[in-house]
Amino acid sequence: MMQKTDCIFFQFAKAYQLSSRFLTSKVSQLNLTAVQAMVLGFLTEEDQITSSELGKRTELDSATLTGILDRLEAAGYLERKSNPDDRRSIHIHLTSKGKALGLKASQLLTRANQEFLQVLTDKQKKELREIIQTLRLSKPRLQDANADPGASAGERQR
């Protein structure tokens, strides 16, 4: 039987729980969820983009992003405005209140990243990011393998 220390899924789940609790505790002082803080951070980097562009940057599905934008808009942090170039799309604009909070959120996220990873050497931090990126980029390959675990590669391609 596999030991939990050898099971990568167990380790990722526990690392996710730890990192999620850590970040939630940090952003709660801004009265935001971790995802809201990240969305404001992305908008602080580049404001007045379409919700579709924001979805691509944040890698959030449309329904999730819409809910987050609804709550941020209700709180007065952003406005949705018609796209003058395409009436079918909407631009997301930070309000002055949203810009101020977005800047605080970005700074807080930067500090939280540094603090969370402070137990690692610079080399370990770089390697961790590279490993995570490699795993994330392999996602389509992993999804294909799930189609039929008993099928050979040739059978999956047919």
N, C-alpha and C. Protein backbone atom coordinates (compact mmCIF):
# COMPACT_ATOMS: atom_id res chain seq x y z
N MET A 1 0.84 -1.19 0.00
CA MET A 1 0.00 0.00 0.00
C MET A 1 0.88 1.25 0.00
N MET A 2 0.47 2.23 -0.78
CA MET A 2 1.24 3.48 -0.89
C MET A 2 1.11 4.29 0.39
N GLN A 3 2.22 4.81 0.84
CA GLN A 3 2.23 5.70 1.99
C GLN A 3 1.76 7.08 1.57
N LYS A 4 1.10 7.81 2.48
CA LYS A 4 0.59 9.13 2.12
C LYS A 4 1.72 10.09 1.73
N THR A 5 2.90 9.90 2.28
CA THR A 5 4.02 10.76 1.91
C THR A 5 4.49 10.49 0.48
N ASP A 6 4.16 9.32 -0.07
CA ASP A 6 4.52 8.98 -1.44
C ASP A 6 3.43 9.32 -2.44
N CYS A 7 2.23 9.61 -1.97
CA CYS A 7 1.10 9.89 -2.85
C CYS A 7 1.07 11.38 -3.21
N ILE A 8 1.37 11.69 -4.45
CA ILE A 8 1.45 13.08 -4.88
C ILE A 8 0.11 13.78 -4.75
N PHE A 9 -0.98 13.06 -4.94
CA PHE A 9 -2.31 13.66 -4.85
C PHE A 9 -2.62 14.08 -3.42
N PHE A 10 -2.23 13.25 -2.48
CA PHE A 10 -2.39 13.60 -1.07
C PHE A 10 -1.55 14.84 -0.75
N GLN A 11 -0.31 14.83 -1.21
CA GLN A 11 0.58 15.96 -0.93
C GLN A 11 0.05 17.26 -1.55
N PHE A 12 -0.42 17.19 -2.80
CA PHE A 12 -0.99 18.39 -3.43
C PHE A 12 -2.23 18.87 -2.69
N ALA A 13 -3.09 17.94 -2.28
CA ALA A 13 -4.31 18.32 -1.56
C ALA A 13 -3.96 19.04 -0.25
N LYS A 14 -3.01 18.51 0.46
CA LYS A 14 -2.62 19.13 1.73
C LYS A 14 -1.92 20.48 1.50
N ALA A 15 -1.09 20.56 0.46
CA ALA A 15 -0.44 21.83 0.14
C ALA A 15 -1.48 22.87 -0.27
N TYR A 16 -2.50 22.43 -1.05
CA TYR A 16 -3.57 23.34 -1.45
C TYR A 16 -4.33 23.85 -0.23
N GLN A 17 -4.68 22.94 0.68
CA GLN A 17 -5.41 23.35 1.89
C GLN A 17 -4.61 24.38 2.68
N LEU A 18 -3.34 24.12 2.86
CA LEU A 18 -2.47 25.03 3.61
C LEU A 18 -2.38 26.39 2.91
N SER A 19 -2.11 26.37 1.60
CA SER A 19 -1.95 27.63 0.88
C SER A 19 -3.25 28.41 0.81
N SER A 20 -4.37 27.70 0.67
CA SER A 20 -5.66 28.36 0.60
C SER A 20 -6.00 29.04 1.93
N ARG A 21 -5.79 28.32 3.03
CA ARG A 21 -6.04 28.92 4.36
C ARG A 21 -5.12 30.11 4.58
N PHE A 22 -3.87 29.98 4.19
CA PHE A 22 -2.89 31.05 4.36
C PHE A 22 -3.32 32.30 3.60
N LEU A 23 -3.64 32.13 2.31
CA LEU A 23 -4.02 33.29 1.50
C LEU A 23 -5.34 33.89 1.96
N THR A 24 -6.29 33.04 2.33
CA THR A 24 -7.58 33.53 2.82
C THR A 24 -7.38 34.39 4.06
N SER A 25 -6.51 33.97 4.95
CA SER A 25 -6.27 34.76 6.17
C SER A 25 -5.63 36.10 5.84
N LYS A 26 -4.82 36.14 4.80
CA LYS A 26 -4.16 37.39 4.41
C LYS A 26 -5.13 38.37 3.76
N VAL A 27 -5.95 37.90 2.82
CA VAL A 27 -6.83 38.81 2.08
C VAL A 27 -8.08 39.17 2.86
N SER A 28 -8.38 38.42 3.93
CA SER A 28 -9.60 38.72 4.70
C SER A 28 -9.54 40.12 5.29
N GLN A 29 -8.36 40.64 5.54
CA GLN A 29 -8.24 42.00 6.07
C GLN A 29 -8.75 43.05 5.08
N LEU A 30 -8.84 42.67 3.81
CA LEU A 30 -9.37 43.57 2.78
C LEU A 30 -10.86 43.31 2.53
N ASN A 31 -11.44 42.38 3.29
CA ASN A 31 -12.83 41.96 3.10
C ASN A 31 -13.06 41.40 1.69
N LEU A 32 -12.09 40.64 1.22
CA LEU A 32 -12.17 39.99 -0.08
C LEU A 32 -11.90 38.51 0.09
N THR A 33 -12.39 37.73 -0.87
CA THR A 33 -11.96 36.34 -0.94
C THR A 33 -10.63 36.31 -1.69
N ALA A 34 -9.95 35.19 -1.64
CA ALA A 34 -8.67 35.06 -2.34
C ALA A 34 -8.86 35.27 -3.85
N VAL A 35 -9.92 34.70 -4.41
CA VAL A 35 -10.15 34.82 -5.85
C VAL A 35 -10.51 36.26 -6.22
N GLN A 36 -11.31 36.92 -5.39
CA GLN A 36 -11.63 38.33 -5.65
C GLN A 36 -10.37 39.18 -5.63
N ALA A 37 -9.48 38.92 -4.68
CA ALA A 37 -8.22 39.67 -4.60
C ALA A 37 -7.38 39.44 -5.86
N MET A 38 -7.35 38.20 -6.34
CA MET A 38 -6.57 37.92 -7.55
C MET A 38 -7.18 38.60 -8.77
N VAL A 39 -8.51 38.58 -8.88
CA VAL A 39 -9.16 39.25 -10.00
C VAL A 39 -8.88 40.74 -9.97
N LEU A 40 -9.00 41.36 -8.79
CA LEU A 40 -8.67 42.79 -8.68
C LEU A 40 -7.20 43.04 -9.03
N GLY A 41 -6.34 42.11 -8.62
CA GLY A 41 -4.92 42.23 -8.97
C GLY A 41 -4.70 42.19 -10.47
N PHE A 42 -5.37 41.28 -11.16
CA PHE A 42 -5.26 41.22 -12.62
C PHE A 42 -5.78 42.50 -13.27
N LEU A 43 -6.89 43.01 -12.74
CA LEU A 43 -7.45 44.24 -13.31
C LEU A 43 -6.58 45.45 -13.00
N THR A 44 -5.86 45.41 -11.90
CA THR A 44 -4.94 46.50 -11.57
C THR A 44 -3.80 46.55 -12.58
N GLU A 45 -3.36 45.36 -13.03
CA GLU A 45 -2.30 45.30 -14.05
C GLU A 45 -2.79 45.87 -15.37
N GLU A 46 -4.02 45.53 -15.74
CA GLU A 46 -4.59 46.06 -16.98
C GLU A 46 -6.09 46.16 -16.82
N ASP A 47 -6.56 47.38 -16.81
CA ASP A 47 -7.96 47.73 -16.62
C ASP A 47 -8.61 47.89 -18.00
N GLN A 48 -9.91 47.96 -18.01
CA GLN A 48 -10.68 48.22 -19.22
C GLN A 48 -10.48 47.14 -20.29
N ILE A 49 -10.57 45.91 -19.84
CA ILE A 49 -10.50 44.77 -20.75
C ILE A 49 -11.85 44.08 -20.76
N THR A 50 -12.07 43.24 -21.75
CA THR A 50 -13.34 42.53 -21.82
C THR A 50 -13.37 41.42 -20.77
N SER A 51 -14.56 40.99 -20.41
CA SER A 51 -14.67 39.89 -19.45
C SER A 51 -14.06 38.62 -20.03
N SER A 52 -14.13 38.46 -21.35
CA SER A 52 -13.52 37.30 -22.01
C SER A 52 -11.99 37.33 -21.83
N GLU A 53 -11.38 38.50 -22.03
CA GLU A 53 -9.93 38.63 -21.82
C GLU A 53 -9.57 38.35 -20.37
N LEU A 54 -10.37 38.88 -19.46
CA LEU A 54 -10.12 38.67 -18.03
C LEU A 54 -10.24 37.19 -17.69
N GLY A 55 -11.22 36.52 -18.27
CA GLY A 55 -11.39 35.08 -18.05
C GLY A 55 -10.17 34.30 -18.50
N LYS A 56 -9.60 34.67 -19.63
CA LYS A 56 -8.40 33.99 -20.12
C LYS A 56 -7.23 34.21 -19.17
N ARG A 57 -7.07 35.44 -18.70
CA ARG A 57 -5.95 35.75 -17.80
C ARG A 57 -6.07 35.06 -16.46
N THR A 58 -7.29 35.03 -15.94
CA THR A 58 -7.50 34.44 -14.61
C THR A 58 -7.70 32.93 -14.66
N GLU A 59 -7.96 32.41 -15.87
CA GLU A 59 -8.25 30.99 -16.08
C GLU A 59 -9.47 30.55 -15.28
N LEU A 60 -10.46 31.46 -15.18
CA LEU A 60 -11.73 31.15 -14.53
C LEU A 60 -12.79 30.94 -15.60
N ASP A 61 -13.71 30.01 -15.35
CA ASP A 61 -14.79 29.82 -16.32
C ASP A 61 -15.74 31.00 -16.24
N SER A 62 -16.53 31.16 -17.26
CA SER A 62 -17.42 32.31 -17.41
C SER A 62 -18.39 32.46 -16.24
N ALA A 63 -19.00 31.38 -15.80
CA ALA A 63 -19.97 31.45 -14.71
C ALA A 63 -19.31 31.90 -13.40
N THR A 64 -18.15 31.36 -13.10
CA THR A 64 -17.43 31.73 -11.88
C THR A 64 -17.02 33.19 -11.94
N LEU A 65 -16.45 33.60 -13.07
CA LEU A 65 -16.01 34.99 -13.21
C LEU A 65 -17.18 35.95 -13.12
N THR A 66 -18.31 35.60 -13.72
CA THR A 66 -19.49 36.47 -13.67
C THR A 66 -19.92 36.70 -12.22
N GLY A 67 -19.95 35.65 -11.42
CA GLY A 67 -20.32 35.79 -10.01
C GLY A 67 -19.36 36.69 -9.24
N ILE A 68 -18.09 36.54 -9.50
CA ILE A 68 -17.08 37.37 -8.84
C ILE A 68 -17.24 38.83 -9.26
N LEU A 69 -17.42 39.05 -10.56
CA LEU A 69 -17.60 40.42 -11.06
C LEU A 69 -18.88 41.04 -10.50
N ASP A 70 -19.93 40.24 -10.38
CA ASP A 70 -21.19 40.74 -9.80
C ASP A 70 -20.95 41.27 -8.39
N ARG A 71 -20.23 40.48 -7.58
CA ARG A 71 -19.99 40.89 -6.19
C ARG A 71 -19.06 42.11 -6.12
N LEU A 72 -18.03 42.15 -6.96
CA LEU A 72 -17.12 43.29 -6.95
C LEU A 72 -17.82 44.56 -7.45
N GLU A 73 -18.72 44.39 -8.41
CA GLU A 73 -19.48 45.53 -8.91
C GLU A 73 -20.45 46.04 -7.84
N ALA A 74 -21.13 45.12 -7.16
CA ALA A 74 -22.07 45.50 -6.10
C ALA A 74 -21.36 46.24 -4.96
N ALA A 75 -20.09 45.90 -4.73
CA ALA A 75 -19.31 46.56 -3.69
C ALA A 75 -18.73 47.90 -4.15
N GLY A 76 -18.91 48.22 -5.43
CA GLY A 76 -18.43 49.50 -5.95
C GLY A 76 -16.99 49.51 -6.41
N TYR A 77 -16.42 48.33 -6.64
CA TYR A 77 -15.02 48.25 -7.06
C TYR A 77 -14.82 48.27 -8.56
N LEU A 78 -15.86 47.96 -9.31
CA LEU A 78 -15.73 47.98 -10.76
C LEU A 78 -17.07 48.30 -11.40
N GLU A 79 -17.00 48.63 -12.68
CA GLU A 79 -18.18 48.89 -13.49
C GLU A 79 -18.04 48.13 -14.78
N ARG A 80 -19.16 47.69 -15.31
CA ARG A 80 -19.17 47.07 -16.62
C ARG A 80 -19.71 48.12 -17.59
N LYS A 81 -18.97 48.32 -18.67
CA LYS A 81 -19.37 49.30 -19.67
C LYS A 81 -19.38 48.66 -21.05
N SER A 82 -20.27 49.14 -21.90
CA SER A 82 -20.33 48.63 -23.27
C SER A 82 -19.00 48.84 -23.96
N ASN A 83 -18.64 47.87 -24.78
CA ASN A 83 -17.44 47.96 -25.60
C ASN A 83 -17.82 48.77 -26.85
N PRO A 84 -17.21 49.94 -27.05
CA PRO A 84 -17.59 50.75 -28.21
C PRO A 84 -17.27 50.08 -29.54
N ASP A 85 -16.33 49.13 -29.55
CA ASP A 85 -15.94 48.45 -30.77
C ASP A 85 -16.77 47.20 -31.06
N ASP A 86 -17.47 46.69 -30.03
CA ASP A 86 -18.24 45.46 -30.19
C ASP A 86 -19.36 45.46 -29.16
N ARG A 87 -20.57 45.73 -29.60
CA ARG A 87 -21.70 45.85 -28.68
C ARG A 87 -22.02 44.54 -27.96
N ARG A 88 -21.50 43.42 -28.46
CA ARG A 88 -21.76 42.13 -27.83
C ARG A 88 -20.88 41.89 -26.61
N SER A 89 -19.83 42.68 -26.45
CA SER A 89 -18.93 42.46 -25.31
C SER A 89 -18.94 43.67 -24.38
N ILE A 90 -18.46 43.42 -23.19
CA ILE A 90 -18.45 44.44 -22.14
C ILE A 90 -17.03 44.62 -21.64
N HIS A 91 -16.66 45.86 -21.38
CA HIS A 91 -15.37 46.15 -20.76
C HIS A 91 -15.53 46.27 -19.26
N ILE A 92 -14.54 45.78 -18.54
CA ILE A 92 -14.52 45.87 -17.09
C ILE A 92 -13.64 47.06 -16.72
N HIS A 93 -14.19 48.01 -15.97
CA HIS A 93 -13.47 49.21 -15.54
C HIS A 93 -13.41 49.24 -14.03
N LEU A 94 -12.22 49.42 -13.48
CA LEU A 94 -12.10 49.61 -12.04
C LEU A 94 -12.55 51.02 -11.69
N THR A 95 -13.27 51.16 -10.60
CA THR A 95 -13.60 52.49 -10.09
C THR A 95 -12.38 52.99 -9.32
N SER A 96 -12.40 54.23 -8.88
CA SER A 96 -11.27 54.73 -8.09
C SER A 96 -11.13 53.91 -6.80
N LYS A 97 -12.25 53.54 -6.21
CA LYS A 97 -12.25 52.68 -5.02
C LYS A 97 -11.64 51.32 -5.36
N GLY A 98 -11.98 50.77 -6.54
CA GLY A 98 -11.44 49.49 -6.98
C GLY A 98 -9.96 49.55 -7.28
N LYS A 99 -9.52 50.67 -7.86
CA LYS A 99 -8.08 50.82 -8.15
C LYS A 99 -7.28 50.85 -6.86
N ALA A 100 -7.78 51.57 -5.86
CA ALA A 100 -7.07 51.64 -4.58
C ALA A 100 -7.01 50.27 -3.91
N LEU A 101 -8.14 49.56 -3.91
CA LEU A 101 -8.16 48.23 -3.28
C LEU A 101 -7.36 47.23 -4.12
N GLY A 102 -7.42 47.35 -5.44
CA GLY A 102 -6.66 46.47 -6.31
C GLY A 102 -5.17 46.59 -6.08
N LEU A 103 -4.70 47.81 -5.87
CA LEU A 103 -3.28 48.03 -5.58
C LEU A 103 -2.91 47.38 -4.25
N LYS A 104 -3.75 47.56 -3.25
CA LYS A 104 -3.51 46.91 -1.95
C LYS A 104 -3.51 45.40 -2.10
N ALA A 105 -4.46 44.87 -2.86
CA ALA A 105 -4.55 43.43 -3.07
C ALA A 105 -3.31 42.90 -3.77
N SER A 106 -2.84 43.62 -4.80
CA SER A 106 -1.63 43.19 -5.52
C SER A 106 -0.42 43.16 -4.60
N GLN A 107 -0.28 44.19 -3.80
CA GLN A 107 0.85 44.24 -2.87
C GLN A 107 0.75 43.12 -1.84
N LEU A 108 -0.46 42.89 -1.34
CA LEU A 108 -0.68 41.85 -0.36
C LEU A 108 -0.38 40.47 -0.95
N LEU A 109 -0.83 40.24 -2.19
CA LEU A 109 -0.57 38.96 -2.85
C LEU A 109 0.93 38.73 -3.04
N THR A 110 1.65 39.78 -3.40
CA THR A 110 3.11 39.68 -3.56
C THR A 110 3.76 39.30 -2.24
N ARG A 111 3.38 40.00 -1.17
CA ARG A 111 3.95 39.70 0.16
C ARG A 111 3.56 38.30 0.62
N ALA A 112 2.32 37.90 0.37
CA ALA A 112 1.85 36.58 0.78
C ALA A 112 2.64 35.48 0.06
N ASN A 113 2.88 35.67 -1.24
CA ASN A 113 3.69 34.71 -2.00
C ASN A 113 5.07 34.58 -1.38
N GLN A 114 5.69 35.71 -1.09
CA GLN A 114 7.04 35.70 -0.51
C GLN A 114 7.04 35.02 0.86
N GLU A 115 6.06 35.38 1.67
CA GLU A 115 5.99 34.82 3.03
C GLU A 115 5.71 33.31 3.00
N PHE A 116 4.80 32.89 2.14
CA PHE A 116 4.45 31.47 2.09
C PHE A 116 5.63 30.63 1.64
N LEU A 117 6.42 31.15 0.73
CA LEU A 117 7.55 30.38 0.19
C LEU A 117 8.87 30.64 0.90
N GLN A 118 8.85 31.39 1.99
CA GLN A 118 10.11 31.75 2.64
C GLN A 118 10.89 30.57 3.18
N VAL A 119 10.25 29.42 3.36
CA VAL A 119 10.95 28.23 3.86
C VAL A 119 11.79 27.57 2.76
N LEU A 120 11.61 28.01 1.51
CA LEU A 120 12.35 27.44 0.39
C LEU A 120 13.52 28.33 -0.01
N THR A 121 14.56 27.71 -0.56
CA THR A 121 15.66 28.47 -1.12
C THR A 121 15.20 29.06 -2.45
N ASP A 122 15.94 30.01 -2.99
CA ASP A 122 15.58 30.58 -4.29
C ASP A 122 15.56 29.49 -5.36
N LYS A 123 16.50 28.57 -5.29
CA LYS A 123 16.54 27.47 -6.25
C LYS A 123 15.30 26.59 -6.12
N GLN A 124 14.89 26.28 -4.91
CA GLN A 124 13.70 25.46 -4.69
C GLN A 124 12.44 26.18 -5.19
N LYS A 125 12.36 27.48 -4.96
CA LYS A 125 11.20 28.26 -5.44
C LYS A 125 11.11 28.19 -6.96
N LYS A 126 12.25 28.36 -7.62
CA LYS A 126 12.28 28.30 -9.08
C LYS A 126 11.88 26.91 -9.56
N GLU A 127 12.42 25.87 -8.95
CA GLU A 127 12.10 24.50 -9.33
C GLU A 127 10.62 24.19 -9.08
N LEU A 128 10.08 24.65 -7.95
CA LEU A 128 8.67 24.41 -7.65
C LEU A 128 7.78 25.03 -8.72
N ARG A 129 8.07 26.27 -9.08
CA ARG A 129 7.26 26.93 -10.11
C ARG A 129 7.38 26.21 -11.46
N GLU A 130 8.58 25.74 -11.79
CA GLU A 130 8.78 25.02 -13.05
C GLU A 130 8.03 23.69 -13.05
N ILE A 131 8.06 22.98 -11.93
CA ILE A 131 7.36 21.70 -11.84
C ILE A 131 5.85 21.91 -11.95
N ILE A 132 5.34 22.89 -11.22
CA ILE A 132 3.89 23.16 -11.29
C ILE A 132 3.49 23.56 -12.70
N GLN A 133 4.29 24.40 -13.34
CA GLN A 133 3.98 24.82 -14.71
C GLN A 133 3.99 23.63 -15.67
N THR A 134 4.96 22.75 -15.52
CA THR A 134 5.04 21.55 -16.36
C THR A 134 3.79 20.70 -16.18
N LEU A 135 3.37 20.49 -14.95
CA LEU A 135 2.17 19.70 -14.70
C LEU A 135 0.93 20.37 -15.26
N ARG A 136 0.83 21.69 -15.10
CA ARG A 136 -0.34 22.40 -15.62
C ARG A 136 -0.39 22.34 -17.15
N LEU A 137 0.75 22.44 -17.80
CA LEU A 137 0.79 22.40 -19.26
C LEU A 137 0.51 21.00 -19.80
N SER A 138 0.69 19.98 -18.97
CA SER A 138 0.43 18.61 -19.41
C SER A 138 -1.04 18.25 -19.28
N LYS A 139 -1.86 19.16 -18.83
CA LYS A 139 -3.28 18.93 -18.58
C LYS A 139 -4.00 18.25 -19.76
N PRO A 140 -3.85 18.73 -21.00
CA PRO A 140 -4.56 18.05 -22.10
C PRO A 140 -4.16 16.58 -22.24
N ARG A 141 -2.89 16.29 -22.06
CA ARG A 141 -2.41 14.91 -22.14
C ARG A 141 -3.05 14.08 -21.05
N LEU A 142 -3.16 14.62 -19.85
CA LEU A 142 -3.76 13.88 -18.75
C LEU A 142 -5.25 13.67 -18.99
N GLN A 143 -5.94 14.65 -19.56
CA GLN A 143 -7.36 14.49 -19.85
C GLN A 143 -7.59 13.42 -20.91
N ASP A 144 -6.73 13.37 -21.91
CA ASP A 144 -6.85 12.34 -22.95
C ASP A 144 -6.69 10.95 -22.34
N ALA A 145 -5.80 10.82 -21.39
CA ALA A 145 -5.56 9.52 -20.77
C ALA A 145 -6.77 9.06 -19.97
N ASN A 146 -7.60 10.00 -19.52
CA ASN A 146 -8.79 9.65 -18.75
C ASN A 146 -9.93 9.13 -19.61
N ALA A 147 -9.85 9.31 -20.90
CA ALA A 147 -10.95 8.91 -21.79
C ALA A 147 -11.31 7.44 -21.58
N ASP A 148 -10.33 6.58 -21.62
CA ASP A 148 -10.55 5.16 -21.36
C ASP A 148 -9.24 4.61 -20.83
N PRO A 149 -9.13 4.49 -19.51
CA PRO A 149 -7.86 4.07 -18.91
C PRO A 149 -7.35 2.74 -19.44
N GLY A 150 -8.23 1.88 -19.94
CA GLY A 150 -7.79 0.57 -20.43
C GLY A 150 -7.41 0.58 -21.90
N ALA A 151 -7.72 1.67 -22.60
CA ALA A 151 -7.44 1.73 -24.03
C ALA A 151 -5.98 2.08 -24.28
N SER A 152 -5.46 1.53 -25.38
CA SER A 152 -4.10 1.89 -25.76
C SER A 152 -4.12 3.26 -26.42
N ALA A 153 -2.94 3.85 -26.60
CA ALA A 153 -2.86 5.16 -27.23
C ALA A 153 -3.49 5.13 -28.61
N GLY A 154 -3.27 4.05 -29.37
CA GLY A 154 -3.83 3.94 -30.70
C GLY A 154 -5.34 3.88 -30.68
N GLU A 155 -5.90 3.15 -29.71
CA GLU A 155 -7.36 3.07 -29.61
C GLU A 155 -7.96 4.41 -29.24
N ARG A 156 -7.28 5.20 -28.42
CA ARG A 156 -7.80 6.52 -28.01
C ARG A 156 -7.79 7.48 -29.19
N GLN A 157 -6.89 7.29 -30.16
CA GLN A 157 -6.81 8.22 -31.29
C GLN A 157 -7.88 7.95 -32.33
N ARG A 158 -8.44 6.75 -32.35
CA ARG A 158 -9.46 6.41 -33.36
C ARG A 158 -10.76 7.08 -33.12
